[in-house]
Protein backbone atom coordinates (compact mmCIF):
# COMPACT_ATOMS: atom_id res chain seq x y z
CA MET A 1 46.22 -55.32 -22.59
CA ARG A 2 45.30 -58.74 -23.92
CA ILE A 3 41.88 -59.18 -25.56
CA ILE A 4 40.27 -62.62 -25.42
CA ALA A 5 37.02 -63.75 -27.04
CA LYS A 6 36.96 -67.49 -26.30
CA ALA A 7 35.99 -68.66 -22.83
CA THR A 8 38.52 -71.50 -22.98
CA ASP A 9 41.30 -69.00 -23.76
CA ALA A 10 40.21 -66.91 -20.78
CA ALA A 11 40.54 -70.00 -18.59
CA VAL A 12 44.06 -70.56 -19.95
CA TRP A 13 44.98 -66.94 -19.13
CA SER A 14 43.59 -67.35 -15.62
CA ALA A 15 45.54 -70.57 -15.04
CA ALA A 16 48.74 -68.84 -16.20
CA MET A 17 48.18 -66.01 -13.71
CA ARG A 18 47.72 -68.49 -10.88
CA ARG A 19 50.84 -70.42 -11.85
CA GLU A 20 52.77 -67.16 -11.56
CA GLY A 21 51.27 -66.63 -8.11
CA ARG A 22 49.32 -63.56 -9.23
CA SER A 23 45.94 -62.77 -7.71
CA ILE A 24 43.14 -61.89 -10.13
CA GLY A 25 40.67 -59.03 -9.71
CA PHE A 26 37.59 -59.21 -11.90
CA VAL A 27 35.18 -56.47 -13.02
CA PRO A 28 32.17 -57.84 -14.95
CA THR A 29 30.45 -55.21 -17.14
CA MET A 30 28.09 -54.87 -20.08
CA GLY A 31 30.29 -52.23 -21.70
CA ALA A 32 29.50 -48.58 -22.49
CA LEU A 33 32.06 -47.86 -19.79
CA HIS A 34 32.15 -44.69 -17.69
CA GLN A 35 34.12 -43.36 -14.73
CA GLY A 36 32.22 -45.63 -12.35
CA HIS A 37 33.57 -48.69 -14.14
CA LEU A 38 37.08 -47.24 -14.21
CA THR A 39 36.88 -46.71 -10.45
CA LEU A 40 36.12 -50.43 -10.07
CA VAL A 41 39.17 -51.21 -12.24
CA ALA A 42 41.33 -48.94 -10.08
CA ARG A 43 40.09 -50.67 -6.92
CA ALA A 44 40.82 -54.08 -8.47
CA LYS A 45 44.33 -52.94 -9.42
CA ALA A 46 44.92 -51.71 -5.88
CA GLU A 47 43.91 -55.05 -4.34
CA CYS A 48 45.03 -57.63 -6.92
CA ASP A 49 48.04 -58.39 -9.12
CA ALA A 50 46.17 -58.78 -12.42
CA VAL A 51 42.85 -57.32 -13.54
CA CYS A 52 40.33 -58.79 -15.95
CA VAL A 53 37.31 -56.83 -17.21
CA SER A 54 34.54 -58.58 -19.11
CA ILE A 55 32.19 -56.91 -21.58
CA PHE A 56 29.14 -59.02 -22.26
CA VAL A 57 25.63 -57.72 -22.91
CA ASN A 58 23.85 -60.60 -21.25
CA PRO A 59 20.51 -61.38 -22.94
CA LEU A 60 19.36 -63.47 -19.96
CA GLN A 61 19.02 -60.41 -17.73
CA PHE A 62 16.85 -58.36 -20.10
CA ASN A 63 13.14 -58.93 -19.70
CA ASN A 64 12.46 -56.10 -22.18
CA PRO A 65 13.64 -56.85 -25.77
CA ASP A 66 13.75 -53.12 -26.59
CA ASP A 67 16.08 -52.50 -23.66
CA LEU A 68 18.43 -55.22 -24.95
CA ARG A 69 18.27 -53.89 -28.51
CA HIS A 70 18.99 -50.29 -27.50
CA TYR A 71 21.58 -50.99 -24.80
CA PRO A 72 24.61 -48.84 -25.74
CA ARG A 73 27.56 -50.64 -27.30
CA GLN A 74 30.89 -48.89 -27.91
CA LEU A 75 33.60 -51.53 -27.83
CA GLU A 76 36.41 -49.50 -29.41
CA GLN A 77 35.93 -46.65 -26.96
CA ASP A 78 35.74 -49.11 -24.05
CA ARG A 79 38.93 -50.76 -25.23
CA GLY A 80 40.78 -47.43 -25.17
CA LEU A 81 39.50 -46.60 -21.69
CA LEU A 82 40.58 -49.97 -20.31
CA THR A 83 44.03 -49.73 -21.90
CA GLY A 84 44.48 -46.35 -20.23
CA ALA A 85 43.24 -47.74 -16.91
CA GLY A 86 45.86 -50.50 -16.91
CA CYS A 87 43.55 -53.47 -17.38
CA ASP A 88 45.52 -56.66 -18.04
CA MET A 89 42.89 -58.69 -19.90
CA LEU A 90 39.64 -57.74 -21.62
CA PHE A 91 37.25 -60.66 -22.01
CA VAL A 92 34.63 -60.10 -24.74
CA PRO A 93 32.91 -63.47 -25.12
CA GLU A 94 30.15 -64.44 -27.50
CA GLU A 95 27.01 -65.86 -25.91
CA ALA A 96 27.73 -69.32 -27.33
CA SER A 97 31.21 -69.25 -25.78
CA ILE A 98 29.88 -68.44 -22.31
CA PHE A 99 26.99 -70.87 -22.24
CA GLN A 100 28.44 -73.68 -24.36
CA GLU A 101 26.74 -76.94 -23.38
CA HIS A 102 25.45 -75.23 -20.25
CA SER A 103 21.74 -74.62 -19.75
CA PRO A 104 20.71 -71.74 -17.47
CA ARG A 105 19.83 -72.92 -13.97
CA LEU A 106 17.55 -71.61 -11.25
CA PHE A 107 19.29 -70.16 -8.20
CA ASP A 108 17.94 -69.47 -4.72
CA LEU A 109 17.91 -65.67 -4.67
CA GLY A 110 16.90 -65.30 -1.04
CA GLY A 111 13.56 -63.75 -1.97
CA GLN A 112 15.11 -60.81 -3.81
CA ASP A 113 13.09 -61.63 -6.93
CA ASN A 114 9.92 -60.76 -4.98
CA ILE A 115 10.79 -57.19 -3.92
CA LEU A 116 11.91 -53.90 -5.48
CA GLU A 117 13.48 -54.73 -8.87
CA GLY A 118 12.24 -58.33 -8.81
CA PRO A 119 8.55 -57.89 -9.75
CA SER A 120 9.42 -55.16 -12.30
CA ARG A 121 12.05 -57.25 -14.05
CA PRO A 122 11.03 -60.92 -13.88
CA GLY A 123 13.94 -63.24 -14.57
CA HIS A 124 16.48 -60.41 -14.38
CA PHE A 125 18.36 -61.58 -11.30
CA GLN A 126 18.37 -65.21 -12.44
CA GLY A 127 20.00 -63.97 -15.66
CA VAL A 128 22.57 -61.93 -13.75
CA VAL A 129 23.58 -64.81 -11.47
CA ASN A 130 23.75 -67.29 -14.34
CA VAL A 131 26.22 -65.16 -16.27
CA VAL A 132 28.27 -64.24 -13.19
CA GLU A 133 28.56 -67.93 -12.31
CA ARG A 134 29.75 -68.73 -15.85
CA LEU A 135 32.24 -65.85 -15.88
CA PHE A 136 33.60 -66.91 -12.49
CA HIS A 137 33.92 -70.47 -13.83
CA TYR A 138 36.32 -69.34 -16.55
CA ILE A 139 38.12 -66.41 -14.89
CA ARG A 140 38.33 -67.89 -11.37
CA PRO A 141 39.04 -64.52 -9.78
CA ASP A 142 40.23 -64.03 -6.23
CA ALA A 143 37.99 -60.97 -5.92
CA ALA A 144 35.15 -59.50 -7.99
CA PHE A 145 34.21 -55.83 -7.81
CA PHE A 146 30.61 -54.57 -8.05
CA GLY A 147 29.20 -51.06 -7.80
CA GLU A 148 26.71 -50.24 -5.05
CA LYS A 149 24.50 -48.36 -7.51
CA ASP A 150 22.98 -51.75 -8.35
CA ARG A 151 22.42 -52.39 -4.64
CA GLN A 152 19.94 -55.22 -5.06
CA GLN A 153 22.06 -56.96 -7.68
CA LEU A 154 24.97 -56.79 -5.24
CA ALA A 155 22.77 -58.28 -2.49
CA VAL A 156 21.72 -61.12 -4.81
CA ILE A 157 25.31 -61.96 -5.74
CA GLN A 158 26.43 -61.79 -2.10
CA HIS A 159 23.58 -64.12 -1.10
CA VAL A 160 24.33 -66.69 -3.81
CA ALA A 161 28.08 -66.52 -3.17
CA HIS A 162 27.45 -67.17 0.53
CA THR A 163 24.90 -69.96 0.16
CA LEU A 164 26.86 -71.80 -2.55
CA HIS A 165 30.24 -71.18 -0.87
CA TRP A 166 31.77 -69.50 -3.89
CA PRO A 167 35.45 -68.89 -3.14
CA GLU A 168 35.49 -65.46 -4.79
CA ARG A 169 35.53 -62.40 -2.52
CA ILE A 170 32.70 -60.02 -3.45
CA VAL A 171 33.85 -56.41 -3.07
CA PRO A 172 31.20 -53.63 -2.95
CA CYS A 173 32.36 -50.25 -4.32
CA PRO A 174 30.68 -46.85 -3.73
CA THR A 175 28.48 -45.29 -6.41
CA GLU A 176 30.21 -42.75 -8.64
CA ARG A 177 28.19 -39.62 -9.39
CA ALA A 178 28.18 -36.73 -11.83
CA PRO A 179 28.74 -33.28 -10.27
CA ASP A 180 24.95 -32.77 -10.14
CA GLY A 181 24.50 -36.02 -8.19
CA LEU A 182 23.18 -38.30 -10.95
CA ALA A 183 24.52 -41.82 -10.46
CA LEU A 184 26.79 -42.75 -13.37
CA SER A 185 25.16 -45.38 -15.58
CA SER A 186 25.62 -46.60 -19.14
CA ARG A 187 21.90 -45.94 -19.64
CA ASN A 188 22.46 -42.21 -19.09
CA LEU A 189 23.77 -42.12 -22.67
CA ARG A 190 20.20 -42.69 -23.87
CA LEU A 191 18.77 -39.64 -22.08
CA SER A 192 17.85 -36.63 -24.19
CA PRO A 193 19.32 -33.27 -23.05
CA GLN A 194 15.95 -32.40 -21.50
CA GLU A 195 15.72 -35.75 -19.69
CA ARG A 196 19.32 -35.48 -18.51
CA ALA A 197 18.51 -32.10 -16.97
CA VAL A 198 15.66 -33.66 -14.97
CA ALA A 199 17.46 -36.89 -13.96
CA PRO A 200 19.34 -35.52 -10.89
CA VAL A 201 15.97 -35.27 -9.11
CA LEU A 202 16.33 -38.97 -8.27
CA TYR A 203 19.37 -38.25 -6.10
CA GLN A 204 17.74 -35.10 -4.70
CA CYS A 205 14.75 -37.24 -3.72
CA LEU A 206 17.01 -39.72 -1.91
CA GLN A 207 18.86 -36.89 -0.16
CA SER A 208 15.53 -35.50 0.99
CA VAL A 209 14.63 -38.89 2.46
CA ALA A 210 18.04 -39.07 4.14
CA GLY A 211 17.49 -35.66 5.75
CA SER A 212 14.50 -36.92 7.71
CA ALA A 213 15.54 -40.55 8.20
CA PHE A 214 15.22 -41.84 11.78
CA ARG A 215 13.81 -38.45 12.88
CA GLU A 216 10.37 -38.93 11.33
CA PRO A 217 8.29 -42.06 10.66
CA VAL A 218 9.23 -44.09 7.59
CA THR A 219 6.13 -42.96 5.68
CA SER A 220 6.88 -39.30 6.41
CA ALA A 221 10.51 -39.65 5.33
CA LYS A 222 9.36 -41.24 2.07
CA GLU A 223 6.83 -38.47 1.51
CA HIS A 224 9.62 -35.86 1.44
CA GLY A 225 11.15 -37.66 -1.53
CA LEU A 226 7.84 -38.35 -3.24
CA ARG A 227 6.99 -34.64 -3.18
CA LEU A 228 10.09 -33.85 -5.23
CA LEU A 229 9.37 -36.60 -7.74
CA ARG A 230 5.75 -35.53 -8.21
CA ALA A 231 6.91 -32.02 -9.05
CA ALA A 232 9.47 -33.20 -11.62
CA PRO A 233 8.40 -33.16 -15.28
CA SER A 234 8.48 -36.44 -17.21
CA ILE A 235 9.31 -38.64 -14.20
CA ARG A 236 7.30 -41.88 -14.02
CA LEU A 237 7.96 -43.37 -10.61
CA GLU A 238 8.15 -47.14 -10.27
CA TYR A 239 9.06 -47.32 -6.59
CA LEU A 240 10.59 -45.38 -3.73
CA GLU A 241 11.26 -47.58 -0.71
CA ILE A 242 13.12 -47.46 2.57
CA SER A 243 14.51 -50.92 3.22
CA ASP A 244 16.53 -53.00 5.64
CA PRO A 245 20.21 -52.64 4.64
CA LEU A 246 20.79 -56.42 4.51
CA SER A 247 17.57 -58.06 3.36
CA LEU A 248 16.36 -54.98 1.42
CA GLU A 249 12.84 -55.79 2.62
CA PRO A 250 10.83 -52.52 2.68
CA LEU A 251 10.32 -51.12 6.19
CA VAL A 252 7.16 -49.91 7.87
CA ASP A 253 9.07 -48.54 10.88
CA TRP A 254 12.68 -47.95 11.89
CA GLY A 255 12.65 -50.46 14.77
CA ASP A 256 15.97 -50.49 16.60
CA ARG A 257 18.01 -50.09 13.41
CA THR A 258 20.75 -47.52 13.09
CA GLU A 259 21.03 -47.93 9.31
CA ALA A 260 18.66 -48.38 6.37
CA VAL A 261 18.73 -47.81 2.62
CA ALA A 262 16.50 -45.69 0.40
CA LEU A 263 16.03 -47.01 -3.14
CA VAL A 264 14.30 -45.48 -6.14
CA ALA A 265 13.45 -46.60 -9.68
CA ALA A 266 11.85 -44.31 -12.24
CA TRP A 267 11.43 -43.83 -15.96
CA LEU A 268 12.54 -40.78 -17.92
CA GLY A 269 11.23 -41.21 -21.43
CA PRO A 270 12.36 -44.67 -22.60
CA VAL A 271 15.11 -44.94 -19.97
CA ARG A 272 14.72 -46.65 -16.61
CA LEU A 273 17.03 -45.31 -13.90
CA ILE A 274 17.76 -46.62 -10.41
CA ASP A 275 19.64 -45.18 -7.46
CA ASN A 276 20.03 -45.66 -3.72
CA VAL A 277 21.65 -44.12 -0.66
CA THR A 278 22.43 -45.51 2.77
CA LEU A 279 20.57 -43.85 5.65
CA HIS A 280 22.28 -43.43 9.02
CA LYS A 281 20.83 -42.69 12.44
CA ARG A 282 22.48 -39.61 13.87
């Protein structure tokens, strides 16, 4: 596996791959890798000839300085995992290398900054799209792979890619979970043993919503999940919503839909966790 720190060197690597006629699969990450990330790498390997993974803790997407400061960093361990996973190139740029002579711009986010994660994390999605655009500029992948755990982030990237006619194919990949249902996340490393024991209630809440979806009114379906969260120690709920699967706008009724998505965000101690599940009409 080749390791590259300079953005210009990453562009040279990308150009060499294209000259050889090799398609490039790209997995952008912030490091502290887990099985969910490795599943994205495996999907990229299955669909593309060469795989690049980036590790960049992007300061633009952190609206909380403490969150940025405490975000887990374990580059040597990540490096070993990616070598074992068959990654071809690891891109670990410095901030100056990514944004050299390039000021952050404002993107049309399709209103996503006004719902769900948007009001809680002002500027977050602008930061995400700015860094993804820069990474795409240097790597020029044929396909980029994103986990569905960050469902709204995925929707934002799909919207921007569509409206700006980005050539890259955006590939959604299912959420990977621990045996007890907790969605895998780098932030799970910051949970205390007691908090980790409570954390699966987020998935249990979503499963409870799914059990009554389309059979009861939206408010009743949500109430099933809220009851579980209220009974859980230490959980500080930020939101639980049932939303349209495309726009992610929260619903007041099911309408004629056959699919929706339930999304939750909550704090456990100093750690903010998110999760979601797709709801199907049966």
